[in-house]
């Protein structure tokens, strides 16, 4: 397949620009088929990894009791994190402040309902990078994040939404013990997964990349 032809580029570009963090639009009542998750994980396994070691592991959680355990820890982390945030208030909020209020509302909804999300996926990678040199840390996380993002794209293409979250990592050890994750394996994220409600997503408002792109040196043209 030649992805460079206009029809294919339109589809690919739409997928890449509309894979949103889905929270309020997750369908909490519709089951997610195991075979769909497995198919998306096979696609994720095509992502690159350091030295092609393929040290990734994905823990898929559908058990109600275990989801409630994870959700409880996630909420504790969320309330501690949210207590330090301020998005402003009043009638004269900027566009960025209004957007932050929407994000906080969406994140609050997810924290309140995480236990009801049909599937929780925890991407993991072999190794413990917290005490490693920067290059080693980058190599470890660089070996799991592309696969996790590929998973999110594959889910999106099949009508499922997800959101990249990491707050549960404040209780990583407790969650590892509950799920039997070995001590030498690091959790990288927590992805709530469900079919999404509604028809489609739009590209998000982003700062223009021409203001964040430097050629041949920082802040040079």
Protein backbone atom coordinates (compact mmCIF):
# COMPACT_ATOMS: atom_id res chain seq x y z
CA UNK A 1 0.00 0.00 0.00
CA UNK A 2 1.33 3.41 -0.97
CA UNK A 3 0.54 5.66 2.01
CA UNK A 4 1.78 8.73 0.14
CA UNK A 5 -1.23 8.96 -2.18
CA UNK A 6 -3.66 11.72 -1.14
CA UNK A 7 -6.53 9.42 -0.12
CA UNK A 8 -4.34 7.44 2.27
CA UNK A 9 -2.63 10.51 3.65
CA UNK A 10 -6.00 12.02 4.48
CA UNK A 11 -6.97 8.95 6.52
CA UNK A 12 -3.59 8.70 8.26
CA UNK A 13 -3.46 12.42 9.04
CA UNK A 14 -7.00 12.32 10.42
CA UNK A 15 -6.10 9.43 12.71
CA UNK A 16 -2.95 11.16 13.96
CA UNK A 17 -4.63 14.51 14.58
CA UNK A 18 -7.78 13.20 16.26
CA UNK A 19 -6.44 10.61 18.70
CA UNK A 20 -7.55 12.47 21.79
CA UNK A 21 -7.35 11.75 25.50
CA UNK A 22 -10.86 10.37 25.94
CA UNK A 23 -12.43 10.56 29.38
CA UNK A 24 -16.03 11.81 29.49
CA UNK A 25 -16.85 10.16 26.18
CA UNK A 26 -15.78 6.68 27.24
CA UNK A 27 -18.76 4.32 27.01
CA UNK A 28 -18.78 2.73 30.46
CA UNK A 29 -21.71 0.45 29.64
CA UNK A 30 -20.43 -1.27 26.50
CA UNK A 31 -18.13 -4.29 26.88
CA UNK A 32 -14.83 -4.36 25.01
CA UNK A 33 -14.08 -7.60 23.23
CA UNK A 34 -10.88 -9.37 24.23
CA UNK A 35 -10.01 -10.07 20.59
CA UNK A 36 -10.05 -6.34 19.80
CA UNK A 37 -7.52 -5.63 22.54
CA UNK A 38 -5.37 -8.54 21.39
CA UNK A 39 -5.42 -7.33 17.77
CA UNK A 40 -4.37 -3.83 18.82
CA UNK A 41 -1.57 -5.22 20.97
CA UNK A 42 -0.23 -7.13 17.97
CA UNK A 43 -0.08 -3.83 16.11
CA UNK A 44 1.64 -2.18 19.07
CA UNK A 45 4.32 -4.88 18.93
CA UNK A 46 5.48 -3.47 15.58
CA UNK A 47 6.82 -0.36 17.35
CA UNK A 48 10.59 0.09 17.69
CA UNK A 49 12.46 -0.69 20.90
CA UNK A 50 16.02 -0.17 22.07
CA UNK A 51 18.35 -2.74 20.46
CA UNK A 52 15.16 -4.48 19.31
CA UNK A 53 14.94 -6.12 22.74
CA UNK A 54 11.13 -5.93 22.77
CA UNK A 55 11.11 -5.84 26.56
CA UNK A 56 7.57 -4.56 26.73
CA UNK A 57 4.71 -6.19 28.61
CA UNK A 58 1.07 -5.12 28.76
CA UNK A 59 -1.09 -5.92 31.78
CA UNK A 60 -4.76 -5.90 30.77
CA UNK A 61 -7.11 -5.54 33.73
CA UNK A 62 -10.81 -6.41 33.42
CA UNK A 63 -11.41 -7.93 36.86
CA UNK A 64 -13.80 -5.70 38.82
CA UNK A 65 -12.07 -6.01 42.17
CA UNK A 66 -8.65 -5.24 40.74
CA UNK A 67 -10.03 -2.29 38.80
CA UNK A 68 -11.53 -0.90 42.00
CA UNK A 69 -8.19 -1.31 43.79
CA UNK A 70 -6.37 0.60 41.03
CA UNK A 71 -9.10 3.25 40.84
CA UNK A 72 -8.90 3.86 44.59
CA UNK A 73 -5.15 4.53 44.39
CA UNK A 74 -5.62 6.63 41.28
CA UNK A 75 -8.19 8.82 43.05
CA UNK A 76 -5.91 9.35 46.03
CA UNK A 77 -3.16 10.50 43.69
CA UNK A 78 -5.58 12.68 41.71
CA UNK A 79 -6.92 14.55 44.72
CA UNK A 80 -3.41 15.21 45.96
CA UNK A 81 -2.34 16.41 42.52
CA UNK A 82 -5.44 18.48 41.82
CA UNK A 83 -5.16 20.27 45.17
CA UNK A 84 -2.02 21.98 43.88
CA UNK A 85 -3.54 23.14 40.59
CA UNK A 86 -5.19 26.46 39.78
CA UNK A 87 -6.96 27.27 36.53
CA UNK A 88 -8.30 30.68 37.51
CA UNK A 89 -11.91 31.75 37.94
CA UNK A 90 -14.28 34.57 37.09
CA UNK A 91 -15.74 35.97 33.87
CA UNK A 92 -12.48 37.12 32.32
CA UNK A 93 -10.66 33.86 31.89
CA UNK A 94 -8.25 33.50 29.00
CA UNK A 95 -8.74 30.82 26.37
CA UNK A 96 -5.97 28.78 27.97
CA UNK A 97 -7.60 29.05 31.42
CA UNK A 98 -10.97 27.97 30.02
CA UNK A 99 -9.29 25.03 28.35
CA UNK A 100 -7.60 24.07 31.62
CA UNK A 101 -10.97 24.09 33.40
CA UNK A 102 -12.31 21.69 30.79
CA UNK A 103 -9.29 19.44 31.21
CA UNK A 104 -9.67 19.42 35.01
CA UNK A 105 -13.37 18.61 34.73
CA UNK A 106 -12.61 15.77 32.33
CA UNK A 107 -9.83 14.42 34.55
CA UNK A 108 -12.12 14.60 37.59
CA UNK A 109 -14.73 12.56 35.73
CA UNK A 110 -12.18 9.89 34.93
CA UNK A 111 -10.96 9.75 38.53
CA UNK A 112 -14.55 9.33 39.75
CA UNK A 113 -15.38 6.59 37.23
CA UNK A 114 -12.14 4.73 36.58
CA UNK A 115 -13.39 1.54 38.22
CA UNK A 116 -16.25 1.41 35.70
CA UNK A 117 -14.07 1.64 32.60
CA UNK A 118 -14.29 -1.76 30.85
CA UNK A 119 -10.54 -2.25 30.37
CA UNK A 120 -7.45 -0.82 32.04
CA UNK A 121 -4.15 -1.40 30.23
CA UNK A 122 -0.80 -0.88 31.96
CA UNK A 123 2.17 -0.75 29.55
CA UNK A 124 5.30 -2.06 31.28
CA UNK A 125 8.97 -2.33 30.38
CA UNK A 126 11.73 -4.54 31.74
CA UNK A 127 14.17 -2.56 33.90
CA UNK A 128 14.12 0.05 36.66
CA UNK A 129 15.32 3.36 35.16
CA UNK A 130 14.90 5.66 38.20
CA UNK A 131 18.57 5.47 39.22
CA UNK A 132 20.00 5.19 35.72
CA UNK A 133 21.87 7.84 33.74
CA UNK A 134 19.74 10.09 31.47
CA UNK A 135 20.69 8.16 28.34
CA UNK A 136 19.68 4.89 29.98
CA UNK A 137 16.40 6.35 31.23
CA UNK A 138 15.62 7.61 27.74
CA UNK A 139 16.41 4.18 26.32
CA UNK A 140 14.11 2.39 28.74
CA UNK A 141 11.11 4.66 28.32
CA UNK A 142 11.83 5.05 24.61
CA UNK A 143 11.34 1.31 24.33
CA UNK A 144 7.79 1.30 25.70
CA UNK A 145 6.24 4.68 24.86
CA UNK A 146 6.13 4.13 21.06
CA UNK A 147 4.39 0.78 21.54
CA UNK A 148 1.89 2.29 23.97
CA UNK A 149 1.13 5.15 21.57
CA UNK A 150 0.73 2.68 18.70
CA UNK A 151 -1.78 0.83 20.87
CA UNK A 152 -3.75 4.04 21.40
CA UNK A 153 -3.76 4.74 17.65
CA UNK A 154 -4.89 1.20 16.85
CA UNK A 155 -7.69 1.50 19.41
CA UNK A 156 -8.77 4.85 17.97
CA UNK A 157 -8.97 3.36 14.47
CA UNK A 158 -11.41 0.74 15.79
CA UNK A 159 -13.73 3.16 17.57
CA UNK A 160 -12.20 2.88 21.04
CA UNK A 161 -10.92 5.73 23.14
CA UNK A 162 -8.14 5.86 25.70
CA UNK A 163 -6.23 8.40 27.75
CA UNK A 164 -2.59 8.54 28.74
CA UNK A 165 -2.47 8.70 32.54
CA UNK A 166 0.36 8.21 35.05
CA UNK A 167 -1.04 9.24 38.44
CA UNK A 168 -1.33 5.63 39.57
CA UNK A 169 2.48 5.46 39.59
CA UNK A 170 2.45 7.11 43.02
CA UNK A 171 1.24 3.70 44.17
CA UNK A 172 3.19 1.64 41.66
CA UNK A 173 4.46 -0.86 44.22
CA UNK A 174 1.01 -1.56 45.67
CA UNK A 175 -0.44 -2.03 42.21
CA UNK A 176 2.50 -4.22 41.17
CA UNK A 177 1.89 -6.49 44.16
CA UNK A 178 -1.83 -6.71 43.37
CA UNK A 179 -1.18 -7.60 39.73
CA UNK A 180 1.91 -9.74 40.29
CA UNK A 181 4.20 -7.47 38.29
CA UNK A 182 7.85 -8.46 38.94
CA UNK A 183 10.17 -6.09 40.83
CA UNK A 184 12.43 -5.62 37.81
CA UNK A 185 9.58 -4.38 35.60
CA UNK A 186 8.52 -0.70 35.45
CA UNK A 187 5.00 0.50 34.79
CA UNK A 188 4.98 3.36 32.28
CA UNK A 189 1.33 4.46 32.14
CA UNK A 190 -2.28 3.50 32.74
CA UNK A 191 -4.64 3.53 29.77
CA UNK A 192 -8.39 3.40 30.43
CA UNK A 193 -9.93 1.81 27.33
CA UNK A 194 -13.55 1.79 26.15
CA UNK A 195 -15.59 2.39 23.05
CA UNK A 196 -16.18 6.11 22.70
CA UNK A 197 -19.54 7.82 22.46
CA UNK A 198 -20.26 10.10 19.52
CA UNK A 199 -19.12 10.02 15.93
CA UNK A 200 -15.64 11.50 15.75
CA UNK A 201 -13.07 13.88 17.22
CA UNK A 202 -11.63 17.13 15.97
CA UNK A 203 -8.00 18.22 15.97
CA UNK A 204 -7.19 20.01 19.24
CA UNK A 205 -6.11 23.62 19.57
CA UNK A 206 -2.34 23.59 19.72
CA UNK A 207 0.39 26.21 19.84
CA UNK A 208 1.86 26.71 16.36
CA UNK A 209 4.94 24.59 15.81
CA UNK A 210 6.67 27.38 13.94
CA UNK A 211 7.11 28.99 17.36
CA UNK A 212 8.57 25.81 18.83
CA UNK A 213 10.80 24.61 15.99
CA UNK A 214 14.47 25.58 15.70
CA UNK A 215 16.76 24.91 12.77
CA UNK A 216 20.44 24.31 13.43
CA UNK A 217 20.29 25.56 17.01
CA UNK A 218 17.98 26.69 19.82
CA UNK A 219 15.83 29.68 18.81
CA UNK A 220 17.61 30.17 15.51
CA UNK A 221 16.01 30.23 12.09
